[in-house]
Amino acid sequence: MIAVTDKGAYRSTNGGTSWTAPGQTFAGTGVVADPTVTGRFFAGAKDGVYETTDSGVNWIRISKGLPAKAVSSLTYDPASQRLVAGTYGNGMYRLSFVPTGVAGDRGIPEV
């Protein structure tokens, strides 16, 4: 389980009985899981979007192309492998995880 707060992402490995404090600090606004990949979560934050692939132990910011605006909503569609982030006053952005043949580009382009 992952829960985000303004102090970061807390994680639980026992159904919420106990929680591990965040190792990294970011002001989280929401979280969504990738149901097809164990341990993969995305977190909206006040400064963009973060991703973890190890159940919340480590997070990386994946907000290339996304202005430094607070993410107010976040959704992930595993069928299309797209993450969509809605921001406060700056539109919606999407990130596709479908390989395009361009190495190294994992930004969220403006729609």
PDB file of N, CA and C in Angstrom:
ATOM      1  N   MET A   1       0.835  -1.178   0.000  1.00  0.00           N
ATOM      2  CA  MET A   1       0.000   0.000   0.000  1.00  0.00           C
ATOM      3  C   MET A   1       0.879   1.240   0.000  1.00  0.00           C
ATOM      4  N   ILE A   2       0.399   2.252  -0.718  1.00  0.00           N
ATOM      5  CA  ILE A   2       1.082   3.541  -0.754  1.00  0.00           C
ATOM      6  C   ILE A   2       0.063   4.621  -0.406  1.00  0.00           C
ATOM      7  N   ALA A   3       0.451   5.554   0.441  1.00  0.00           N
ATOM      8  CA  ALA A   3      -0.362   6.724   0.759  1.00  0.00           C
ATOM      9  C   ALA A   3       0.543   7.948   0.667  1.00  0.00           C
ATOM     10  N   VAL A   4       0.083   8.985  -0.019  1.00  0.00           N
ATOM     11  CA  VAL A   4       0.901  10.192  -0.138  1.00  0.00           C
ATOM     12  C   VAL A   4       0.318  11.310   0.716  1.00  0.00           C
ATOM     13  N   THR A   5       1.221  12.097   1.263  1.00  0.00           N
ATOM     14  CA  THR A   5       0.852  13.259   2.066  1.00  0.00           C
ATOM     15  C   THR A   5       1.739  14.420   1.610  1.00  0.00           C
ATOM     16  N   ASP A   6       1.606  15.545   2.275  1.00  0.00           N
ATOM     17  CA  ASP A   6       2.468  16.682   1.942  1.00  0.00           C
ATOM     18  C   ASP A   6       3.905  16.472   2.405  1.00  0.00           C
ATOM     19  N   LYS A   7       4.187  15.356   3.062  1.00  0.00           N
ATOM     20  CA  LYS A   7       5.547  15.029   3.493  1.00  0.00           C
ATOM     21  C   LYS A   7       6.182  13.910   2.669  1.00  0.00           C
ATOM     22  N   GLY A   8       5.422  13.330   1.718  1.00  0.00           N
ATOM     23  CA  GLY A   8       5.967  12.269   0.888  1.00  0.00           C
ATOM     24  C   GLY A   8       5.066  11.054   0.851  1.00  0.00           C
ATOM     25  N   ALA A   9       5.625   9.941   0.366  1.00  0.00           N
ATOM     26  CA  ALA A   9       4.858   8.707   0.201  1.00  0.00           C
ATOM     27  C   ALA A   9       5.180   7.723   1.320  1.00  0.00           C
ATOM     28  N   TYR A  10       4.169   7.378   2.082  1.00  0.00           N
ATOM     29  CA  TYR A  10       4.294   6.357   3.117  1.00  0.00           C
ATOM     30  C   TYR A  10       3.925   5.016   2.495  1.00  0.00           C
ATOM     31  N   ARG A  11       4.522   3.937   2.990  1.00  0.00           N
ATOM     32  CA  ARG A  11       4.192   2.619   2.449  1.00  0.00           C
ATOM     33  C   ARG A  11       3.964   1.628   3.574  1.00  0.00           C
ATOM     34  N   SER A  12       3.094   0.673   3.266  1.00  0.00           N
ATOM     35  CA  SER A  12       2.774  -0.377   4.223  1.00  0.00           C
ATOM     36  C   SER A  12       2.880  -1.717   3.517  1.00  0.00           C
ATOM     37  N   THR A  13       3.473  -2.668   4.199  1.00  0.00           N
ATOM     38  CA  THR A  13       3.589  -4.021   3.646  1.00  0.00           C
ATOM     39  C   THR A  13       2.704  -5.010   4.404  1.00  0.00           C
ATOM     40  N   ASN A  14       1.878  -4.485   5.335  1.00  0.00           N
ATOM     41  CA  ASN A  14       1.025  -5.374   6.127  1.00  0.00           C
ATOM     42  C   ASN A  14      -0.427  -4.891   6.163  1.00  0.00           C
ATOM     43  N   GLY A  15      -0.894  -4.376   5.029  1.00  0.00           N
ATOM     44  CA  GLY A  15      -2.289  -3.971   4.937  1.00  0.00           C
ATOM     45  C   GLY A  15      -2.658  -2.728   5.713  1.00  0.00           C
ATOM     46  N   GLY A  16      -1.692  -1.909   6.071  1.00  0.00           N
ATOM     47  CA  GLY A  16      -1.953  -0.664   6.768  1.00  0.00           C
ATOM     48  C   GLY A  16      -1.827  -0.715   8.276  1.00  0.00           C
ATOM     49  N   THR A  17      -1.415  -1.855   8.825  1.00  0.00           N
ATOM     50  CA  THR A  17      -1.219  -1.953  10.273  1.00  0.00           C
ATOM     51  C   THR A  17      -0.087  -1.039  10.730  1.00  0.00           C
ATOM     52  N   SER A  18       0.984  -0.993   9.940  1.00  0.00           N
ATOM     53  CA  SER A  18       2.095  -0.074  10.231  1.00  0.00           C
ATOM     54  C   SER A  18       2.575   0.534   8.913  1.00  0.00           C
ATOM     55  N   TRP A  19       3.202   1.690   9.024  1.00  0.00           N
ATOM     56  CA  TRP A  19       3.635   2.443   7.843  1.00  0.00           C
ATOM     57  C   TRP A  19       5.096   2.830   7.970  1.00  0.00           C
ATOM     58  N   THR A  20       5.803   2.817   6.846  1.00  0.00           N
ATOM     59  CA  THR A  20       7.194   3.256   6.786  1.00  0.00           C
ATOM     60  C   THR A  20       7.219   4.700   6.308  1.00  0.00           C
ATOM     61  N   ALA A  21       7.960   5.536   7.042  1.00  0.00           N
ATOM     62  CA  ALA A  21       8.063   6.952   6.692  1.00  0.00           C
ATOM     63  C   ALA A  21       8.766   7.120   5.350  1.00  0.00           C
ATOM     64  N   PRO A  22       8.455   8.199   4.643  1.00  0.00           N
ATOM     65  CA  PRO A  22       9.074   8.430   3.340  1.00  0.00           C
ATOM     66  C   PRO A  22      10.585   8.575   3.418  1.00  0.00           C
ATOM     67  N   GLY A  23      11.258   7.992   2.454  1.00  0.00           N
ATOM     68  CA  GLY A  23      12.699   8.156   2.336  1.00  0.00           C
ATOM     69  C   GLY A  23      13.030   9.419   1.564  1.00  0.00           C
ATOM     70  N   GLN A  24      12.097   9.869   0.738  1.00  0.00           N
ATOM     71  CA  GLN A  24      12.250  11.084  -0.051  1.00  0.00           C
ATOM     72  C   GLN A  24      11.067  11.987   0.243  1.00  0.00           C
ATOM     73  N   THR A  25      11.302  13.279   0.185  1.00  0.00           N
ATOM     74  CA  THR A  25      10.246  14.225   0.487  1.00  0.00           C
ATOM     75  C   THR A  25       9.719  14.860  -0.789  1.00  0.00           C
ATOM     76  N   PHE A  26       8.426  14.752  -0.984  1.00  0.00           N
ATOM     77  CA  PHE A  26       7.715  15.524  -2.000  1.00  0.00           C
ATOM     78  C   PHE A  26       6.277  15.679  -1.523  1.00  0.00           C
ATOM     79  N   ALA A  27       5.650  16.766  -1.897  1.00  0.00           N
ATOM     80  CA  ALA A  27       4.299  17.058  -1.432  1.00  0.00           C
ATOM     81  C   ALA A  27       3.297  16.338  -2.321  1.00  0.00           C
ATOM     82  N   GLY A  28       2.909  15.149  -1.909  1.00  0.00           N
ATOM     83  CA  GLY A  28       2.024  14.314  -2.705  1.00  0.00           C
ATOM     84  C   GLY A  28       0.586  14.798  -2.701  1.00  0.00           C
ATOM     85  N   THR A  29      -0.087  14.613  -3.847  1.00  0.00           N
ATOM     86  CA  THR A  29      -1.491  14.996  -3.984  1.00  0.00           C
ATOM     87  C   THR A  29      -2.378  13.809  -4.343  1.00  0.00           C
ATOM     88  N   GLY A  30      -1.801  12.699  -4.742  1.00  0.00           N
ATOM     89  CA  GLY A  30      -2.573  11.516  -5.106  1.00  0.00           C
ATOM     90  C   GLY A  30      -1.654  10.412  -5.583  1.00  0.00           C
ATOM     91  N   VAL A  31      -2.179   9.200  -5.628  1.00  0.00           N
ATOM     92  CA  VAL A  31      -1.367   8.068  -6.053  1.00  0.00           C
ATOM     93  C   VAL A  31      -2.239   7.105  -6.848  1.00  0.00           C
ATOM     94  N   VAL A  32      -1.631   6.450  -7.830  1.00  0.00           N
ATOM     95  CA  VAL A  32      -2.319   5.450  -8.642  1.00  0.00           C
ATOM     96  C   VAL A  32      -1.343   4.309  -8.916  1.00  0.00           C
ATOM     97  N   ALA A  33      -1.869   3.082  -8.931  1.00  0.00           N
ATOM     98  CA  ALA A  33      -1.038   1.894  -9.152  1.00  0.00           C
ATOM     99  C   ALA A  33      -1.134   1.443 -10.601  1.00  0.00           C
ATOM    100  N   ASP A  34      -0.079   0.813 -11.081  1.00  0.00           N
ATOM    101  CA  ASP A  34      -0.115   0.104 -12.359  1.00  0.00           C
ATOM    102  C   ASP A  34      -0.502  -1.330 -12.017  1.00  0.00           C
ATOM    103  N   PRO A  35      -1.724  -1.756 -12.350  1.00  0.00           N
ATOM    104  CA  PRO A  35      -2.164  -3.093 -11.948  1.00  0.00           C
ATOM    105  C   PRO A  35      -1.470  -4.228 -12.689  1.00  0.00           C
ATOM    106  N   THR A  36      -0.697  -3.909 -13.705  1.00  0.00           N
ATOM    107  CA  THR A  36      -0.020  -4.953 -14.479  1.00  0.00           C
ATOM    108  C   THR A  36       1.423  -5.164 -14.068  1.00  0.00           C
ATOM    109  N   VAL A  37       1.970  -4.263 -13.244  1.00  0.00           N
ATOM    110  CA  VAL A  37       3.372  -4.366 -12.832  1.00  0.00           C
ATOM    111  C   VAL A  37       3.449  -4.261 -11.308  1.00  0.00           C
ATOM    112  N   THR A  38       3.827  -5.335 -10.657  1.00  0.00           N
ATOM    113  CA  THR A  38       3.937  -5.356  -9.200  1.00  0.00           C
ATOM    114  C   THR A  38       4.945  -4.312  -8.729  1.00  0.00           C
ATOM    115  N   GLY A  39       4.530  -3.499  -7.758  1.00  0.00           N
ATOM    116  CA  GLY A  39       5.431  -2.519  -7.162  1.00  0.00           C
ATOM    117  C   GLY A  39       5.527  -1.201  -7.901  1.00  0.00           C
ATOM    118  N   ARG A  40       4.773  -1.032  -8.982  1.00  0.00           N
ATOM    119  CA  ARG A  40       4.848   0.212  -9.759  1.00  0.00           C
ATOM    120  C   ARG A  40       3.668   1.114  -9.402  1.00  0.00           C
ATOM    121  N   PHE A  41       4.012   2.320  -8.952  1.00  0.00           N
ATOM    122  CA  PHE A  41       3.023   3.326  -8.585  1.00  0.00           C
ATOM    123  C   PHE A  41       3.444   4.669  -9.170  1.00  0.00           C
ATOM    124  N   PHE A  42       2.469   5.536  -9.377  1.00  0.00           N
ATOM    125  CA  PHE A  42       2.708   6.908  -9.804  1.00  0.00           C
ATOM    126  C   PHE A  42       2.090   7.812  -8.756  1.00  0.00           C
ATOM    127  N   ALA A  43       2.777   8.907  -8.427  1.00  0.00           N
ATOM    128  CA  ALA A  43       2.265   9.861  -7.452  1.00  0.00           C
ATOM    129  C   ALA A  43       2.211  11.243  -8.067  1.00  0.00           C
ATOM    130  N   GLY A  44       1.059  11.891  -7.933  1.00  0.00           N
ATOM    131  CA  GLY A  44       0.966  13.300  -8.276  1.00  0.00           C
ATOM    132  C   GLY A  44       1.511  14.088  -7.105  1.00  0.00           C
ATOM    133  N   ALA A  45       2.098  15.224  -7.412  1.00  0.00           N
ATOM    134  CA  ALA A  45       2.691  16.039  -6.356  1.00  0.00           C
ATOM    135  C   ALA A  45       2.519  17.511  -6.694  1.00  0.00           C
ATOM    136  N   LYS A  46       2.896  18.361  -5.775  1.00  0.00           N
ATOM    137  CA  LYS A  46       2.785  19.793  -6.000  1.00  0.00           C
ATOM    138  C   LYS A  46       3.800  20.295  -7.016  1.00  0.00           C
ATOM    139  N   ASP A  47       4.776  19.445  -7.374  1.00  0.00           N
ATOM    140  CA  ASP A  47       5.780  19.850  -8.366  1.00  0.00           C
ATOM    141  C   ASP A  47       5.857  18.869  -9.537  1.00  0.00           C
ATOM    142  N   GLY A  48       4.803  18.085  -9.774  1.00  0.00           N
ATOM    143  CA  GLY A  48       4.823  17.189 -10.929  1.00  0.00           C
ATOM    144  C   GLY A  48       4.397  15.774 -10.601  1.00  0.00           C
ATOM    145  N   VAL A  49       5.022  14.807 -11.282  1.00  0.00           N
ATOM    146  CA  VAL A  49       4.672  13.397 -11.146  1.00  0.00           C
ATOM    147  C   VAL A  49       5.923  12.587 -10.804  1.00  0.00           C
ATOM    148  N   TYR A  50       5.738  11.595  -9.927  1.00  0.00           N
ATOM    149  CA  TYR A  50       6.820  10.707  -9.515  1.00  0.00           C
ATOM    150  C   TYR A  50       6.428   9.263  -9.807  1.00  0.00           C
ATOM    151  N   GLU A  51       7.433   8.413  -9.988  1.00  0.00           N
ATOM    152  CA  GLU A  51       7.205   6.996 -10.247  1.00  0.00           C
ATOM    153  C   GLU A  51       8.098   6.164  -9.339  1.00  0.00           C
ATOM    154  N   THR A  52       7.555   5.030  -8.880  1.00  0.00           N
ATOM    155  CA  THR A  52       8.341   4.032  -8.164  1.00  0.00           C
ATOM    156  C   THR A  52       8.105   2.682  -8.823  1.00  0.00           C
ATOM    157  N   THR A  53       9.131   1.877  -8.872  1.00  0.00           N
ATOM    158  CA  THR A  53       8.997   0.513  -9.392  1.00  0.00           C
ATOM    159  C   THR A  53       9.382  -0.509  -8.322  1.00  0.00           C
ATOM    160  N   ASP A  54       9.622  -0.018  -7.092  1.00  0.00           N
ATOM    161  CA  ASP A  54       9.996  -0.911  -5.996  1.00  0.00           C
ATOM    162  C   ASP A  54       9.083  -0.711  -4.781  1.00  0.00           C
ATOM    163  N   SER A  55       7.799  -0.551  -5.068  1.00  0.00           N
ATOM    164  CA  SER A  55       6.769  -0.419  -4.029  1.00  0.00           C
ATOM    165  C   SER A  55       6.981   0.764  -3.100  1.00  0.00           C
ATOM    166  N   GLY A  56       7.523   1.840  -3.615  1.00  0.00           N
ATOM    167  CA  GLY A  56       7.639   3.064  -2.845  1.00  0.00           C
ATOM    168  C   GLY A  56       8.915   3.254  -2.075  1.00  0.00           C
ATOM    169  N   VAL A  57       9.883   2.377  -2.240  1.00  0.00           N
ATOM    170  CA  VAL A  57      11.171   2.564  -1.556  1.00  0.00           C
ATOM    171  C   VAL A  57      11.903   3.755  -2.168  1.00  0.00           C
ATOM    172  N   ASN A  58      11.948   3.817  -3.492  1.00  0.00           N
ATOM    173  CA  ASN A  58      12.613   4.903  -4.209  1.00  0.00           C
ATOM    174  C   ASN A  58      11.636   5.511  -5.217  1.00  0.00           C
ATOM    175  N   TRP A  59      11.694   6.818  -5.373  1.00  0.00           N
ATOM    176  CA  TRP A  59      10.839   7.540  -6.309  1.00  0.00           C
ATOM    177  C   TRP A  59      11.698   8.389  -7.228  1.00  0.00           C
ATOM    178  N   ILE A  60      11.300   8.497  -8.497  1.00  0.00           N
ATOM    179  CA  ILE A  60      11.977   9.408  -9.426  1.00  0.00           C
ATOM    180  C   ILE A  60      10.941  10.347 -10.017  1.00  0.00           C
ATOM    181  N   ARG A  61      11.343  11.575 -10.234  1.00  0.00           N
ATOM    182  CA  ARG A  61      10.450  12.564 -10.848  1.00  0.00           C
ATOM    183  C   ARG A  61      10.456  12.325 -12.353  1.00  0.00           C
ATOM    184  N   ILE A  62       9.287  12.187 -12.948  1.00  0.00           N
ATOM    185  CA  ILE A  62       9.167  11.905 -14.387  1.00  0.00           C
ATOM    186  C   ILE A  62       8.363  13.008 -15.068  1.00  0.00           C
ATOM    187  N   SER A  63       8.614  14.239 -14.718  1.00  0.00           N
ATOM    188  CA  SER A  63       7.773  15.354 -15.154  1.00  0.00           C
ATOM    189  C   SER A  63       8.354  16.197 -16.276  1.00  0.00           C
ATOM    190  N   LYS A  64       9.206  15.647 -17.096  1.00  0.00           N
ATOM    191  CA  LYS A  64       9.766  16.416 -18.203  1.00  0.00           C
ATOM    192  C   LYS A  64       8.629  16.923 -19.088  1.00  0.00           C
ATOM    193  N   GLY A  65       8.590  18.231 -19.317  1.00  0.00           N
ATOM    194  CA  GLY A  65       7.545  18.823 -20.129  1.00  0.00           C
ATOM    195  C   GLY A  65       6.343  19.299 -19.337  1.00  0.00           C
ATOM    196  N   LEU A  66       6.245  18.893 -18.089  1.00  0.00           N
ATOM    197  CA  LEU A  66       5.138  19.311 -17.241  1.00  0.00           C
ATOM    198  C   LEU A  66       5.580  20.519 -16.429  1.00  0.00           C
ATOM    199  N   PRO A  67       4.859  21.643 -16.538  1.00  0.00           N
ATOM    200  CA  PRO A  67       5.252  22.814 -15.739  1.00  0.00           C
ATOM    201  C   PRO A  67       5.239  22.485 -14.253  1.00  0.00           C
ATOM    202  N   ALA A  68       5.958  23.255 -13.487  1.00  0.00           N
ATOM    203  CA  ALA A  68       6.023  23.033 -12.036  1.00  0.00           C
ATOM    204  C   ALA A  68       4.713  23.485 -11.404  1.00  0.00           C
ATOM    205  N   LYS A  69       3.657  22.777 -11.723  1.00  0.00           N
ATOM    206  CA  LYS A  69       2.327  23.046 -11.179  1.00  0.00           C
ATOM    207  C   LYS A  69       1.870  21.839 -10.382  1.00  0.00           C
ATOM    208  N   ALA A  70       0.996  22.083  -9.442  1.00  0.00           N
ATOM    209  CA  ALA A  70       0.467  20.986  -8.627  1.00  0.00           C
ATOM    210  C   ALA A  70      -0.433  20.095  -9.468  1.00  0.00           C
ATOM    211  N   VAL A  71      -0.212  18.804  -9.358  1.00  0.00           N
ATOM    212  CA  VAL A  71      -1.047  17.817 -10.038  1.00  0.00           C
ATOM    213  C   VAL A  71      -2.268  17.571  -9.156  1.00  0.00           C
ATOM    214  N   SER A  72      -3.456  17.825  -9.713  1.00  0.00           N
ATOM    215  CA  SER A  72      -4.682  17.677  -8.941  1.00  0.00           C
ATOM    216  C   SER A  72      -5.369  16.345  -9.174  1.00  0.00           C
ATOM    217  N   SER A  73      -5.097  15.704 -10.300  1.00  0.00           N
ATOM    218  CA  SER A  73      -5.674  14.387 -10.567  1.00  0.00           C
ATOM    219  C   SER A  73      -4.700  13.569 -11.394  1.00  0.00           C
ATOM    220  N   LEU A  74      -4.808  12.266 -11.244  1.00  0.00           N
ATOM    221  CA  LEU A  74      -3.867  11.363 -11.891  1.00  0.00           C
ATOM    222  C   LEU A  74      -4.593  10.068 -12.216  1.00  0.00           C
ATOM    223  N   THR A  75      -4.390   9.567 -13.428  1.00  0.00           N
ATOM    224  CA  THR A  75      -4.972   8.283 -13.799  1.00  0.00           C
ATOM    225  C   THR A  75      -4.012   7.549 -14.714  1.00  0.00           C
ATOM    226  N   TYR A  76      -4.060   6.219 -14.661  1.00  0.00           N
ATOM    227  CA  TYR A  76      -3.200   5.394 -15.498  1.00  0.00           C
ATOM    228  C   TYR A  76      -4.050   4.331 -16.183  1.00  0.00           C
ATOM    229  N   ASP A  77      -3.899   4.205 -17.491  1.00  0.00           N
ATOM    230  CA  ASP A  77      -4.604   3.184 -18.262  1.00  0.00           C
ATOM    231  C   ASP A  77      -3.598   2.126 -18.691  1.00  0.00           C
ATOM    232  N   PRO A  78      -3.634   0.939 -18.073  1.00  0.00           N
ATOM    233  CA  PRO A  78      -2.648  -0.084 -18.417  1.00  0.00           C
ATOM    234  C   PRO A  78      -2.802  -0.618 -19.832  1.00  0.00           C
ATOM    235  N   ALA A  79      -3.992  -0.576 -20.395  1.00  0.00           N
ATOM    236  CA  ALA A  79      -4.190  -1.078 -21.760  1.00  0.00           C
ATOM    237  C   ALA A  79      -3.424  -0.232 -22.780  1.00  0.00           C
ATOM    238  N   SER A  80      -3.486   1.088 -22.622  1.00  0.00           N
ATOM    239  CA  SER A  80      -2.773   1.975 -23.552  1.00  0.00           C
ATOM    240  C   SER A  80      -1.410   2.391 -23.019  1.00  0.00           C
ATOM    241  N   GLN A  81      -1.116   2.047 -21.757  1.00  0.00           N
ATOM    242  CA  GLN A  81       0.126   2.420 -21.082  1.00  0.00           C
ATOM    243  C   GLN A  81       0.317   3.932 -21.068  1.00  0.00           C
ATOM    244  N   ARG A  82      -0.750   4.647 -20.699  1.00  0.00           N
ATOM    245  CA  ARG A  82      -0.707   6.108 -20.632  1.00  0.00           C
ATOM    246  C   ARG A  82      -1.079   6.601 -19.246  1.00  0.00           C
ATOM    247  N   LEU A  83      -0.306   7.571 -18.805  1.00  0.00           N
ATOM    248  CA  LEU A  83      -0.558   8.261 -17.552  1.00  0.00           C
ATOM    249  C   LEU A  83      -1.062   9.652 -17.911  1.00  0.00           C
ATOM    250  N   VAL A  84      -2.148  10.090 -17.289  1.00  0.00           N
ATOM    251  CA  VAL A  84      -2.684  11.424 -17.529  1.00  0.00           C
ATOM    252  C   VAL A  84      -2.691  12.176 -16.209  1.00  0.00           C
ATOM    253  N   ALA A  85      -2.157  13.396 -16.238  1.00  0.00           N
ATOM    254  CA  ALA A  85      -2.092  14.235 -15.051  1.00  0.00           C
ATOM    255  C   ALA A  85      -2.849  15.529 -15.316  1.00  0.00           C
ATOM    256  N   GLY A  86      -3.791  15.842 -14.437  1.00  0.00           N
ATOM    257  CA  GLY A  86      -4.485  17.125 -14.491  1.00  0.00           C
ATOM    258  C   GLY A  86      -3.839  18.059 -13.483  1.00  0.00           C
ATOM    259  N   THR A  87      -3.664  19.319 -13.871  1.00  0.00           N
ATOM    260  CA  THR A  87      -2.986  20.272 -12.993  1.00  0.00           C
ATOM    261  C   THR A  87      -3.939  21.365 -12.538  1.00  0.00           C
ATOM    262  N   TYR A  88      -3.535  22.068 -11.508  1.00  0.00           N
ATOM    263  CA  TYR A  88      -4.286  23.237 -11.053  1.00  0.00           C
ATOM    264  C   TYR A  88      -3.992  24.394 -11.989  1.00  0.00           C
ATOM    265  N   GLY A  89      -4.915  24.715 -12.877  1.00  0.00           N
ATOM    266  CA  GLY A  89      -4.803  25.892 -13.722  1.00  0.00           C
ATOM    267  C   GLY A  89      -3.832  25.824 -14.871  1.00  0.00           C
ATOM    268  N   ASN A  90      -3.340  24.644 -15.243  1.00  0.00           N
ATOM    269  CA  ASN A  90      -2.378  24.591 -16.342  1.00  0.00           C
ATOM    270  C   ASN A  90      -2.636  23.421 -17.292  1.00  0.00           C
ATOM    271  N   GLY A  91      -3.853  22.916 -17.311  1.00  0.00           N
ATOM    272  CA  GLY A  91      -4.214  21.900 -18.296  1.00  0.00           C
ATOM    273  C   GLY A  91      -3.925  20.480 -17.869  1.00  0.00           C
ATOM    274  N   MET A  92      -4.049  19.593 -18.865  1.00  0.00           N
ATOM    275  CA  MET A  92      -3.808  18.170 -18.663  1.00  0.00           C
ATOM    276  C   MET A  92      -2.614  17.743 -19.503  1.00  0.00           C
ATOM    277  N   TYR A  93      -1.879  16.797 -18.977  1.00  0.00           N
ATOM    278  CA  TYR A  93      -0.690  16.295 -19.643  1.00  0.00           C
ATOM    279  C   TYR A  93      -0.736  14.781 -19.643  1.00  0.00           C
ATOM    280  N   ARG A  94      -0.090  14.173 -20.625  1.00  0.00           N
ATOM    281  CA  ARG A  94      -0.062  12.713 -20.658  1.00  0.00           C
ATOM    282  C   ARG A  94       1.345  12.222 -20.951  1.00  0.00           C
ATOM    283  N   LEU A  95       1.595  11.043 -20.472  1.00  0.00           N
ATOM    284  CA  LEU A  95       2.878  10.378 -20.670  1.00  0.00           C
ATOM    285  C   LEU A  95       2.579   8.987 -21.185  1.00  0.00           C
ATOM    286  N   SER A  96       3.152   8.638 -22.311  1.00  0.00           N
ATOM    287  CA  SER A  96       2.966   7.315 -22.881  1.00  0.00           C
ATOM    288  C   SER A  96       4.185   6.468 -22.571  1.00  0.00           C
ATOM    289  N   PHE A  97       3.941   5.252 -22.114  1.00  0.00           N
ATOM    290  CA  PHE A  97       5.029   4.321 -21.825  1.00  0.00           C
ATOM    291  C   PHE A  97       5.210   3.314 -22.949  1.00  0.00           C
ATOM    292  N   VAL A  98       4.533   3.537 -24.082  1.00  0.00           N
ATOM    293  CA  VAL A  98       4.687   2.681 -25.254  1.00  0.00           C
ATOM    294  C   VAL A  98       5.999   3.069 -25.921  1.00  0.00           C
ATOM    295  N   PRO A  99       6.897   2.108 -26.163  1.00  0.00           N
ATOM    296  CA  PRO A  99       8.179   2.433 -26.798  1.00  0.00           C
ATOM    297  C   PRO A  99       7.971   3.083 -28.168  1.00  0.00           C
ATOM    298  N   THR A 100       8.738   4.156 -28.405  1.00  0.00           N
ATOM    299  CA  THR A 100       8.624   4.872 -29.669  1.00  0.00           C
ATOM    300  C   THR A 100       9.888   4.774 -30.504  1.00  0.00           C
ATOM    301  N   GLY A 101      10.931   4.179 -29.952  1.00  0.00           N
ATOM    302  CA  GLY A 101      12.199   4.097 -30.662  1.00  0.00           C
ATOM    303  C   GLY A 101      13.134   5.241 -30.341  1.00  0.00           C
ATOM    304  N   VAL A 102      12.690   6.180 -29.508  1.00  0.00           N
ATOM    305  CA  VAL A 102      13.528   7.303 -29.099  1.00  0.00           C
ATOM    306  C   VAL A 102      14.022   7.018 -27.702  1.00  0.00           C
ATOM    307  N   ALA A 103      15.309   6.818 -27.554  1.00  0.00           N
ATOM    308  CA  ALA A 103      15.893   6.465 -26.262  1.00  0.00           C
ATOM    309  C   ALA A 103      15.951   7.674 -25.344  1.00  0.00           C
ATOM    310  N   GLY A 104      15.641   7.444 -24.094  1.00  0.00           N
ATOM    311  CA  GLY A 104      15.867   8.444 -23.058  1.00  0.00           C
ATOM    312  C   GLY A 104      14.768   9.466 -22.858  1.00  0.00           C
ATOM    313  N   ASP A 105      13.718   9.517 -23.673  1.00  0.00           N
ATOM    314  CA  ASP A 105      12.687  10.526 -23.526  1.00  0.00           C
ATOM    315  C   ASP A 105      11.519   9.962 -22.739  1.00  0.00           C
ATOM    316  N   ARG A 106      11.366  10.394 -21.461  1.00  0.00           N
ATOM    317  CA  ARG A 106      10.259   9.921 -20.625  1.00  0.00           C
ATOM    318  C   ARG A 106       9.491  11.101 -20.075  1.00  0.00           C
ATOM    319  N   GLY A 107       9.394  12.156 -20.866  1.00  0.00           N
ATOM    320  CA  GLY A 107       8.709  13.344 -20.386  1.00  0.00           C
ATOM    321  C   GLY A 107       7.216  13.260 -20.568  1.00  0.00           C
ATOM    322  N   ILE A 108       6.511  14.205 -19.953  1.00  0.00           N
ATOM    323  CA  ILE A 108       5.072  14.300 -20.121  1.00  0.00           C
ATOM    324  C   ILE A 108       4.817  15.452 -21.080  1.00  0.00           C
ATOM    325  N   PRO A 109       4.544  15.150 -22.348  1.00  0.00           N
ATOM    326  CA  PRO A 109       4.315  16.219 -23.317  1.00  0.00           C
ATOM    327  C   PRO A 109       2.948  16.855 -23.129  1.00  0.00           C
ATOM    328  N   GLU A 110       2.844  18.118 -23.494  1.00  0.00           N
ATOM    329  CA  GLU A 110       1.566  18.815 -23.406  1.00  0.00           C
ATOM    330  C   GLU A 110       0.633  18.283 -24.467  1.00  0.00           C
ATOM    331  N   VAL A 111      -0.630  18.095 -24.101  1.00  0.00           N
ATOM    332  CA  VAL A 111      -1.646  17.605 -25.036  1.00  0.00           C
ATOM    333  C   VAL A 111      -2.277  18.765 -25.737  1.00  0.00           C
TER     334      VAL A 111
END
